[in-house]
Protein backbone atom coordinates (compact mmCIF):
# COMPACT_ATOMS: atom_id res chain seq x y z
CA UNK A 1 0.00 0.00 0.00
CA UNK A 2 1.53 3.37 -0.99
CA UNK A 3 2.30 6.13 1.51
CA UNK A 4 0.94 9.65 0.99
CA UNK A 5 2.32 12.75 2.69
CA UNK A 6 0.04 15.50 3.96
CA UNK A 7 1.37 19.04 4.23
CA UNK A 8 -0.87 21.02 6.58
CA UNK A 9 -0.46 24.76 6.89
CA UNK A 10 -2.32 27.31 8.98
CA UNK A 11 -2.08 30.80 7.46
CA UNK A 12 1.63 31.72 7.21
CA UNK A 13 2.91 29.15 9.74
CA UNK A 14 5.45 26.50 8.68
CA UNK A 15 3.78 23.32 7.39
CA UNK A 16 3.11 20.26 9.54
CA UNK A 17 4.01 17.12 7.62
CA UNK A 18 2.68 13.63 8.30
CA UNK A 19 2.52 10.46 6.26
CA UNK A 20 -0.12 7.73 6.10
CA UNK A 21 -0.85 4.66 4.00
CA UNK A 22 -3.87 4.62 1.69
CA UNK A 23 -4.90 2.13 -0.99
CA UNK A 24 -4.81 4.80 -3.72
CA UNK A 25 -4.71 8.53 -4.52
CA UNK A 26 -8.51 8.82 -4.42
CA UNK A 27 -8.60 7.62 -0.80
CA UNK A 28 -5.79 10.03 0.17
CA UNK A 29 -7.64 12.88 -1.59
CA UNK A 30 -10.88 12.13 0.28
CA UNK A 31 -9.03 12.03 3.60
CA UNK A 32 -7.33 15.38 2.84
CA UNK A 33 -10.64 17.03 1.94
CA UNK A 34 -12.25 15.83 5.18
CA UNK A 35 -9.20 16.82 7.23
CA UNK A 36 -9.13 20.35 5.82
CA UNK A 37 -12.85 20.79 6.44
CA UNK A 38 -12.52 19.56 10.03
CA UNK A 39 -9.55 21.84 10.75
CA UNK A 40 -11.30 24.88 9.29
CA UNK A 41 -14.64 24.14 10.98
CA UNK A 42 -13.04 23.71 14.40
CA UNK A 43 -10.62 26.64 14.21
CA UNK A 44 -10.91 29.31 16.88
CA UNK A 45 -13.47 31.88 15.75
CA UNK A 46 -13.71 30.10 12.39
CA UNK A 47 -11.15 32.54 10.95
CA UNK A 48 -8.12 30.27 10.61
CA UNK A 49 -7.10 29.50 7.06
CA UNK A 50 -5.90 25.92 6.61
CA UNK A 51 -4.45 24.46 3.47
CA UNK A 52 -3.66 20.82 2.75
CA UNK A 53 -1.39 19.45 0.05
CA UNK A 54 -0.88 15.74 -0.62
CA UNK A 55 2.10 14.12 -2.33
CA UNK A 56 2.69 10.46 -3.07
CA UNK A 57 5.75 8.58 -1.83
CA UNK A 58 7.67 9.70 -4.93
CA UNK A 59 6.99 13.37 -4.13
CA UNK A 60 4.46 13.87 -6.94
CA UNK A 61 1.61 16.25 -6.13
CA UNK A 62 -1.75 14.50 -5.81
CA UNK A 63 -4.12 17.06 -4.30
CA UNK A 64 -4.18 20.63 -2.98
CA UNK A 65 -6.88 22.44 -1.04
CA UNK A 66 -6.58 26.05 0.06
CA UNK A 67 -9.31 28.48 1.01
CA UNK A 68 -12.51 27.46 -0.74
CA UNK A 69 -10.77 25.77 -3.65
CA UNK A 70 -9.51 22.25 -4.16
CA UNK A 71 -7.57 20.78 -7.05
CA UNK A 72 -7.03 17.13 -7.89
CA UNK A 73 -3.94 16.34 -9.90
CA UNK A 74 -5.25 14.12 -12.69
CA UNK A 75 -1.74 13.06 -13.66
CA UNK A 76 -1.25 11.31 -10.30
CA UNK A 77 -1.45 7.53 -10.14
PDB file of N, CA and C in Angstrom:
ATOM      1  N   UNK A   1       0.858  -1.178   0.000  1.00  0.00           N
ATOM      2  CA  UNK A   1       0.000   0.000   0.000  1.00  0.00           C
ATOM      3  C   UNK A   1       0.901   1.237   0.000  1.00  0.00           C
ATOM      4  N   UNK A   2       0.664   2.184  -0.913  1.00  0.00           N
ATOM      5  CA  UNK A   2       1.529   3.373  -0.992  1.00  0.00           C
ATOM      6  C   UNK A   2       1.312   4.349   0.166  1.00  0.00           C
ATOM      7  N   UNK A   3       2.361   5.099   0.467  1.00  0.00           N
ATOM      8  CA  UNK A   3       2.299   6.134   1.510  1.00  0.00           C
ATOM      9  C   UNK A   3       2.057   7.480   0.836  1.00  0.00           C
ATOM     10  N   UNK A   4       1.214   8.292   1.457  1.00  0.00           N
ATOM     11  CA  UNK A   4       0.936   9.649   0.989  1.00  0.00           C
ATOM     12  C   UNK A   4       1.312  10.608   2.099  1.00  0.00           C
ATOM     13  N   UNK A   5       1.886  11.748   1.723  1.00  0.00           N
ATOM     14  CA  UNK A   5       2.316  12.750   2.689  1.00  0.00           C
ATOM     15  C   UNK A   5       1.381  13.952   2.630  1.00  0.00           C
ATOM     16  N   UNK A   6       0.973  14.399   3.813  1.00  0.00           N
ATOM     17  CA  UNK A   6       0.037  15.503   3.957  1.00  0.00           C
ATOM     18  C   UNK A   6       0.774  16.697   4.531  1.00  0.00           C
ATOM     19  N   UNK A   7       0.741  17.795   3.800  1.00  0.00           N
ATOM     20  CA  UNK A   7       1.372  19.037   4.225  1.00  0.00           C
ATOM     21  C   UNK A   7       0.262  19.975   4.677  1.00  0.00           C
ATOM     22  N   UNK A   8       0.174  20.171   5.996  1.00  0.00           N
ATOM     23  CA  UNK A   8      -0.870  21.017   6.585  1.00  0.00           C
ATOM     24  C   UNK A   8      -0.264  22.362   6.938  1.00  0.00           C
ATOM     25  N   UNK A   9      -0.961  23.425   6.584  1.00  0.00           N
ATOM     26  CA  UNK A   9      -0.456  24.764   6.887  1.00  0.00           C
ATOM     27  C   UNK A   9      -1.610  25.630   7.375  1.00  0.00           C
ATOM     28  N   UNK A  10      -1.349  26.340   8.469  1.00  0.00           N
ATOM     29  CA  UNK A  10      -2.317  27.307   8.981  1.00  0.00           C
ATOM     30  C   UNK A  10      -1.767  28.693   8.702  1.00  0.00           C
ATOM     31  N   UNK A  11      -2.484  29.440   7.861  1.00  0.00           N
ATOM     32  CA  UNK A  11      -2.078  30.796   7.458  1.00  0.00           C
ATOM     33  C   UNK A  11      -0.620  30.795   7.003  1.00  0.00           C
ATOM     34  N   UNK A  12       0.235  31.596   7.645  1.00  0.00           N
ATOM     35  CA  UNK A  12       1.626  31.716   7.210  1.00  0.00           C
ATOM     36  C   UNK A  12       2.582  30.856   8.037  1.00  0.00           C
ATOM     37  N   UNK A  13       2.063  29.992   8.894  1.00  0.00           N
ATOM     38  CA  UNK A  13       2.910  29.145   9.741  1.00  0.00           C
ATOM     39  C   UNK A  13       3.628  28.091   8.896  1.00  0.00           C
ATOM     40  N   UNK A  14       4.770  27.585   9.398  1.00  0.00           N
ATOM     41  CA  UNK A  14       5.447  26.499   8.681  1.00  0.00           C
ATOM     42  C   UNK A  14       4.532  25.280   8.579  1.00  0.00           C
ATOM     43  N   UNK A  15       4.680  24.470   7.547  1.00  0.00           N
ATOM     44  CA  UNK A  15       3.782  23.320   7.386  1.00  0.00           C
ATOM     45  C   UNK A  15       4.058  22.210   8.391  1.00  0.00           C
ATOM     46  N   UNK A  16       3.011  21.483   8.748  1.00  0.00           N
ATOM     47  CA  UNK A  16       3.109  20.265   9.541  1.00  0.00           C
ATOM     48  C   UNK A  16       3.046  19.132   8.521  1.00  0.00           C
ATOM     49  N   UNK A  17       3.968  18.195   8.605  1.00  0.00           N
ATOM     50  CA  UNK A  17       4.007  17.116   7.619  1.00  0.00           C
ATOM     51  C   UNK A  17       3.799  15.780   8.326  1.00  0.00           C
ATOM     52  N   UNK A  18       2.907  14.971   7.778  1.00  0.00           N
ATOM     53  CA  UNK A  18       2.682  13.631   8.300  1.00  0.00           C
ATOM     54  C   UNK A  18       2.425  12.695   7.132  1.00  0.00           C
ATOM     55  N   UNK A  19       2.739  11.440   7.321  1.00  0.00           N
ATOM     56  CA  UNK A  19       2.522  10.455   6.263  1.00  0.00           C
ATOM     57  C   UNK A  19       1.552   9.379   6.724  1.00  0.00           C
ATOM     58  N   UNK A  20       0.824   8.801   5.792  1.00  0.00           N
ATOM     59  CA  UNK A  20      -0.124   7.726   6.096  1.00  0.00           C
ATOM     60  C   UNK A  20      -0.268   6.839   4.865  1.00  0.00           C
ATOM     61  N   UNK A  21      -0.650   5.606   5.101  1.00  0.00           N
ATOM     62  CA  UNK A  21      -0.850   4.660   4.004  1.00  0.00           C
ATOM     63  C   UNK A  21      -2.311   4.650   3.577  1.00  0.00           C
ATOM     64  N   UNK A  22      -2.532   4.696   2.264  1.00  0.00           N
ATOM     65  CA  UNK A  22      -3.872   4.621   1.686  1.00  0.00           C
ATOM     66  C   UNK A  22      -3.808   3.691   0.482  1.00  0.00           C
ATOM     67  N   UNK A  23      -4.920   3.056   0.138  1.00  0.00           N
ATOM     68  CA  UNK A  23      -4.901   2.130  -0.991  1.00  0.00           C
ATOM     69  C   UNK A  23      -4.637   2.805  -2.334  1.00  0.00           C
ATOM     70  N   UNK A  24      -5.014   4.092  -2.461  1.00  0.00           N
ATOM     71  CA  UNK A  24      -4.812   4.796  -3.724  1.00  0.00           C
ATOM     72  C   UNK A  24      -4.932   6.296  -3.512  1.00  0.00           C
ATOM     73  N   UNK A  25      -4.670   7.068  -4.583  1.00  0.00           N
ATOM     74  CA  UNK A  25      -4.705   8.527  -4.516  1.00  0.00           C
ATOM     75  C   UNK A  25      -6.101   9.047  -4.199  1.00  0.00           C
ATOM     76  N   UNK A  26      -7.142   8.370  -4.687  1.00  0.00           N
ATOM     77  CA  UNK A  26      -8.508   8.823  -4.421  1.00  0.00           C
ATOM     78  C   UNK A  26      -8.826   8.765  -2.925  1.00  0.00           C
ATOM     79  N   UNK A  27      -8.364   7.734  -2.238  1.00  0.00           N
ATOM     80  CA  UNK A  27      -8.596   7.618  -0.796  1.00  0.00           C
ATOM     81  C   UNK A  27      -7.820   8.694  -0.040  1.00  0.00           C
ATOM     82  N   UNK A  28      -6.583   8.975  -0.459  1.00  0.00           N
ATOM     83  CA  UNK A  28      -5.793  10.032   0.173  1.00  0.00           C
ATOM     84  C   UNK A  28      -6.436  11.394  -0.058  1.00  0.00           C
ATOM     85  N   UNK A  29      -6.961  11.617  -1.261  1.00  0.00           N
ATOM     86  CA  UNK A  29      -7.638  12.878  -1.586  1.00  0.00           C
ATOM     87  C   UNK A  29      -8.860  13.060  -0.696  1.00  0.00           C
ATOM     88  N   UNK A  30      -9.672  12.038  -0.547  1.00  0.00           N
ATOM     89  CA  UNK A  30     -10.879  12.128   0.278  1.00  0.00           C
ATOM     90  C   UNK A  30     -10.515  12.430   1.732  1.00  0.00           C
ATOM     91  N   UNK A  31      -9.478  11.773   2.243  1.00  0.00           N
ATOM     92  CA  UNK A  31      -9.031  12.035   3.603  1.00  0.00           C
ATOM     93  C   UNK A  31      -8.590  13.483   3.753  1.00  0.00           C
ATOM     94  N   UNK A  32      -7.815  13.992   2.787  1.00  0.00           N
ATOM     95  CA  UNK A  32      -7.334  15.376   2.839  1.00  0.00           C
ATOM     96  C   UNK A  32      -8.480  16.375   2.821  1.00  0.00           C
ATOM     97  N   UNK A  33      -9.486  16.134   1.995  1.00  0.00           N
ATOM     98  CA  UNK A  33     -10.642  17.034   1.943  1.00  0.00           C
ATOM     99  C   UNK A  33     -11.351  17.068   3.287  1.00  0.00           C
ATOM    100  N   UNK A  34     -11.570  15.902   3.884  1.00  0.00           N
ATOM    101  CA  UNK A  34     -12.247  15.833   5.183  1.00  0.00           C
ATOM    102  C   UNK A  34     -11.405  16.458   6.288  1.00  0.00           C
ATOM    103  N   UNK A  35     -10.105  16.247   6.235  1.00  0.00           N
ATOM    104  CA  UNK A  35      -9.205  16.824   7.226  1.00  0.00           C
ATOM    105  C   UNK A  35      -9.229  18.344   7.168  1.00  0.00           C
ATOM    106  N   UNK A  36      -9.113  18.897   5.967  1.00  0.00           N
ATOM    107  CA  UNK A  36      -9.129  20.354   5.822  1.00  0.00           C
ATOM    108  C   UNK A  36     -10.439  20.950   6.312  1.00  0.00           C
ATOM    109  N   UNK A  37     -11.545  20.317   5.982  1.00  0.00           N
ATOM    110  CA  UNK A  37     -12.852  20.786   6.444  1.00  0.00           C
ATOM    111  C   UNK A  37     -12.926  20.763   7.960  1.00  0.00           C
ATOM    112  N   UNK A  38     -12.480  19.670   8.573  1.00  0.00           N
ATOM    113  CA  UNK A  38     -12.523  19.559  10.032  1.00  0.00           C
ATOM    114  C   UNK A  38     -11.640  20.611  10.693  1.00  0.00           C
ATOM    115  N   UNK A  39     -10.446  20.836  10.173  1.00  0.00           N
ATOM    116  CA  UNK A  39      -9.548  21.842  10.750  1.00  0.00           C
ATOM    117  C   UNK A  39     -10.143  23.236  10.643  1.00  0.00           C
ATOM    118  N   UNK A  40     -10.708  23.558   9.505  1.00  0.00           N
ATOM    119  CA  UNK A  40     -11.297  24.883   9.293  1.00  0.00           C
ATOM    120  C   UNK A  40     -12.546  25.068  10.148  1.00  0.00           C
ATOM    121  N   UNK A  41     -13.405  24.052  10.209  1.00  0.00           N
ATOM    122  CA  UNK A  41     -14.643  24.145  10.983  1.00  0.00           C
ATOM    123  C   UNK A  41     -14.391  24.281  12.473  1.00  0.00           C
ATOM    124  N   UNK A  42     -13.305  23.706  12.966  1.00  0.00           N
ATOM    125  CA  UNK A  42     -13.040  23.714  14.402  1.00  0.00           C
ATOM    126  C   UNK A  42     -11.999  24.747  14.815  1.00  0.00           C
ATOM    127  N   UNK A  43     -11.597  25.599  13.897  1.00  0.00           N
ATOM    128  CA  UNK A  43     -10.620  26.641  14.208  1.00  0.00           C
ATOM    129  C   UNK A  43     -11.259  27.681  15.119  1.00  0.00           C
ATOM    130  N   UNK A  44     -10.434  28.271  15.964  1.00  0.00           N
ATOM    131  CA  UNK A  44     -10.912  29.311  16.876  1.00  0.00           C
ATOM    132  C   UNK A  44     -11.534  30.447  16.073  1.00  0.00           C
ATOM    133  N   UNK A  45     -12.728  30.798  16.387  1.00  0.00           N
ATOM    134  CA  UNK A  45     -13.473  31.881  15.749  1.00  0.00           C
ATOM    135  C   UNK A  45     -13.768  31.609  14.274  1.00  0.00           C
ATOM    136  N   UNK A  46     -13.438  30.443  13.788  1.00  0.00           N
ATOM    137  CA  UNK A  46     -13.706  30.104  12.394  1.00  0.00           C
ATOM    138  C   UNK A  46     -12.938  30.951  11.397  1.00  0.00           C
ATOM    139  N   UNK A  47     -11.886  31.638  11.851  1.00  0.00           N
ATOM    140  CA  UNK A  47     -11.153  32.537  10.955  1.00  0.00           C
ATOM    141  C   UNK A  47      -9.819  31.974  10.496  1.00  0.00           C
ATOM    142  N   UNK A  48      -9.407  30.836  11.015  1.00  0.00           N
ATOM    143  CA  UNK A  48      -8.125  30.266  10.608  1.00  0.00           C
ATOM    144  C   UNK A  48      -8.226  29.779   9.164  1.00  0.00           C
ATOM    145  N   UNK A  49      -7.156  29.932   8.451  1.00  0.00           N
ATOM    146  CA  UNK A  49      -7.102  29.504   7.059  1.00  0.00           C
ATOM    147  C   UNK A  49      -6.157  28.310   6.969  1.00  0.00           C
ATOM    148  N   UNK A  50      -6.705  27.131   6.737  1.00  0.00           N
ATOM    149  CA  UNK A  50      -5.903  25.917   6.611  1.00  0.00           C
ATOM    150  C   UNK A  50      -5.789  25.523   5.152  1.00  0.00           C
ATOM    151  N   UNK A  51      -4.617  25.054   4.780  1.00  0.00           N
ATOM    152  CA  UNK A  51      -4.448  24.457   3.467  1.00  0.00           C
ATOM    153  C   UNK A  51      -3.849  23.067   3.654  1.00  0.00           C
ATOM    154  N   UNK A  52      -4.166  22.183   2.726  1.00  0.00           N
ATOM    155  CA  UNK A  52      -3.661  20.817   2.754  1.00  0.00           C
ATOM    156  C   UNK A  52      -3.152  20.477   1.362  1.00  0.00           C
ATOM    157  N   UNK A  53      -1.947  19.954   1.305  1.00  0.00           N
ATOM    158  CA  UNK A  53      -1.393  19.452   0.047  1.00  0.00           C
ATOM    159  C   UNK A  53      -1.003  17.998   0.281  1.00  0.00           C
ATOM    160  N   UNK A  54      -1.205  17.159  -0.720  1.00  0.00           N
ATOM    161  CA  UNK A  54      -0.878  15.738  -0.622  1.00  0.00           C
ATOM    162  C   UNK A  54       0.099  15.386  -1.732  1.00  0.00           C
ATOM    163  N   UNK A  55       1.129  14.635  -1.363  1.00  0.00           N
ATOM    164  CA  UNK A  55       2.100  14.123  -2.328  1.00  0.00           C
ATOM    165  C   UNK A  55       2.225  12.619  -2.135  1.00  0.00           C
ATOM    166  N   UNK A  56       2.493  11.899  -3.216  1.00  0.00           N
ATOM    167  CA  UNK A  56       2.690  10.458  -3.070  1.00  0.00           C
ATOM    168  C   UNK A  56       4.111  10.185  -2.587  1.00  0.00           C
ATOM    169  N   UNK A  57       4.442   8.927  -2.392  1.00  0.00           N
ATOM    170  CA  UNK A  57       5.748   8.577  -1.827  1.00  0.00           C
ATOM    171  C   UNK A  57       6.916   8.927  -2.746  1.00  0.00           C
ATOM    172  N   UNK A  58       6.635   9.252  -4.000  1.00  0.00           N
ATOM    173  CA  UNK A  58       7.667   9.704  -4.932  1.00  0.00           C
ATOM    174  C   UNK A  58       7.801  11.218  -4.960  1.00  0.00           C
ATOM    175  N   UNK A  59       6.953  11.914  -4.187  1.00  0.00           N
ATOM    176  CA  UNK A  59       6.993  13.368  -4.133  1.00  0.00           C
ATOM    177  C   UNK A  59       6.119  14.050  -5.161  1.00  0.00           C
ATOM    178  N   UNK A  60       5.355  13.282  -5.941  1.00  0.00           N
ATOM    179  CA  UNK A  60       4.462  13.870  -6.942  1.00  0.00           C
ATOM    180  C   UNK A  60       3.208  14.425  -6.288  1.00  0.00           C
ATOM    181  N   UNK A  61       2.814  15.631  -6.675  1.00  0.00           N
ATOM    182  CA  UNK A  61       1.612  16.255  -6.129  1.00  0.00           C
ATOM    183  C   UNK A  61       0.379  15.453  -6.540  1.00  0.00           C
ATOM    184  N   UNK A  62      -0.521  15.240  -5.576  1.00  0.00           N
ATOM    185  CA  UNK A  62      -1.750  14.497  -5.809  1.00  0.00           C
ATOM    186  C   UNK A  62      -2.965  15.393  -5.653  1.00  0.00           C
ATOM    187  N   UNK A  63      -2.945  16.278  -4.629  1.00  0.00           N
ATOM    188  CA  UNK A  63      -4.119  17.060  -4.296  1.00  0.00           C
ATOM    189  C   UNK A  63      -3.689  18.291  -3.520  1.00  0.00           C
ATOM    190  N   UNK A  64      -4.401  19.401  -3.744  1.00  0.00           N
ATOM    191  CA  UNK A  64      -4.180  20.629  -2.979  1.00  0.00           C
ATOM    192  C   UNK A  64      -5.525  21.259  -2.659  1.00  0.00           C
ATOM    193  N   UNK A  65      -5.670  21.726  -1.443  1.00  0.00           N
ATOM    194  CA  UNK A  65      -6.883  22.436  -1.044  1.00  0.00           C
ATOM    195  C   UNK A  65      -6.472  23.635  -0.205  1.00  0.00           C
ATOM    196  N   UNK A  66      -6.898  24.816  -0.636  1.00  0.00           N
ATOM    197  CA  UNK A  66      -6.578  26.048   0.060  1.00  0.00           C
ATOM    198  C   UNK A  66      -7.769  26.974  -0.050  1.00  0.00           C
ATOM    199  N   UNK A  67      -8.141  27.603   1.035  1.00  0.00           N
ATOM    200  CA  UNK A  67      -9.309  28.480   1.005  1.00  0.00           C
ATOM    201  C   UNK A  67     -10.532  27.686   0.623  1.00  0.00           C
ATOM    202  N   UNK A  68     -11.325  28.162  -0.312  1.00  0.00           N
ATOM    203  CA  UNK A  68     -12.514  27.456  -0.739  1.00  0.00           C
ATOM    204  C   UNK A  68     -12.299  26.610  -1.963  1.00  0.00           C
ATOM    205  N   UNK A  69     -11.044  26.483  -2.406  1.00  0.00           N
ATOM    206  CA  UNK A  69     -10.771  25.774  -3.649  1.00  0.00           C
ATOM    207  C   UNK A  69     -10.042  24.467  -3.374  1.00  0.00           C
ATOM    208  N   UNK A  70     -10.233  23.509  -4.235  1.00  0.00           N
ATOM    209  CA  UNK A  70      -9.510  22.250  -4.161  1.00  0.00           C
ATOM    210  C   UNK A  70      -9.158  21.818  -5.573  1.00  0.00           C
ATOM    211  N   UNK A  71      -7.997  21.233  -5.722  1.00  0.00           N
ATOM    212  CA  UNK A  71      -7.567  20.783  -7.050  1.00  0.00           C
ATOM    213  C   UNK A  71      -7.039  19.364  -6.953  1.00  0.00           C
ATOM    214  N   UNK A  72      -7.507  18.509  -7.826  1.00  0.00           N
ATOM    215  CA  UNK A  72      -7.034  17.134  -7.893  1.00  0.00           C
ATOM    216  C   UNK A  72      -6.098  17.022  -9.073  1.00  0.00           C
ATOM    217  N   UNK A  73      -4.918  16.503  -8.836  1.00  0.00           N
ATOM    218  CA  UNK A  73      -3.943  16.340  -9.902  1.00  0.00           C
ATOM    219  C   UNK A  73      -4.283  15.093 -10.690  1.00  0.00           C
ATOM    220  N   UNK A  74      -4.830  15.252 -11.880  1.00  0.00           N
ATOM    221  CA  UNK A  74      -5.250  14.116 -12.693  1.00  0.00           C
ATOM    222  C   UNK A  74      -4.080  13.260 -13.160  1.00  0.00           C
ATOM    223  N   UNK A  75      -2.883  13.828 -13.184  1.00  0.00           N
ATOM    224  CA  UNK A  75      -1.740  13.059 -13.664  1.00  0.00           C
ATOM    225  C   UNK A  75      -1.180  12.131 -12.594  1.00  0.00           C
ATOM    226  N   UNK A  76      -1.714  12.194 -11.374  1.00  0.00           N
ATOM    227  CA  UNK A  76      -1.247  11.314 -10.300  1.00  0.00           C
ATOM    228  C   UNK A  76      -1.770   9.897 -10.526  1.00  0.00           C
ATOM    229  N   UNK A  77      -1.074   8.923  -9.973  1.00  0.00           N
ATOM    230  CA  UNK A  77      -1.455   7.527 -10.144  1.00  0.00           C
ATOM    231  C   UNK A  77      -2.800   7.277  -9.516  1.00  0.00           C
TER     232      UNK A  77
END
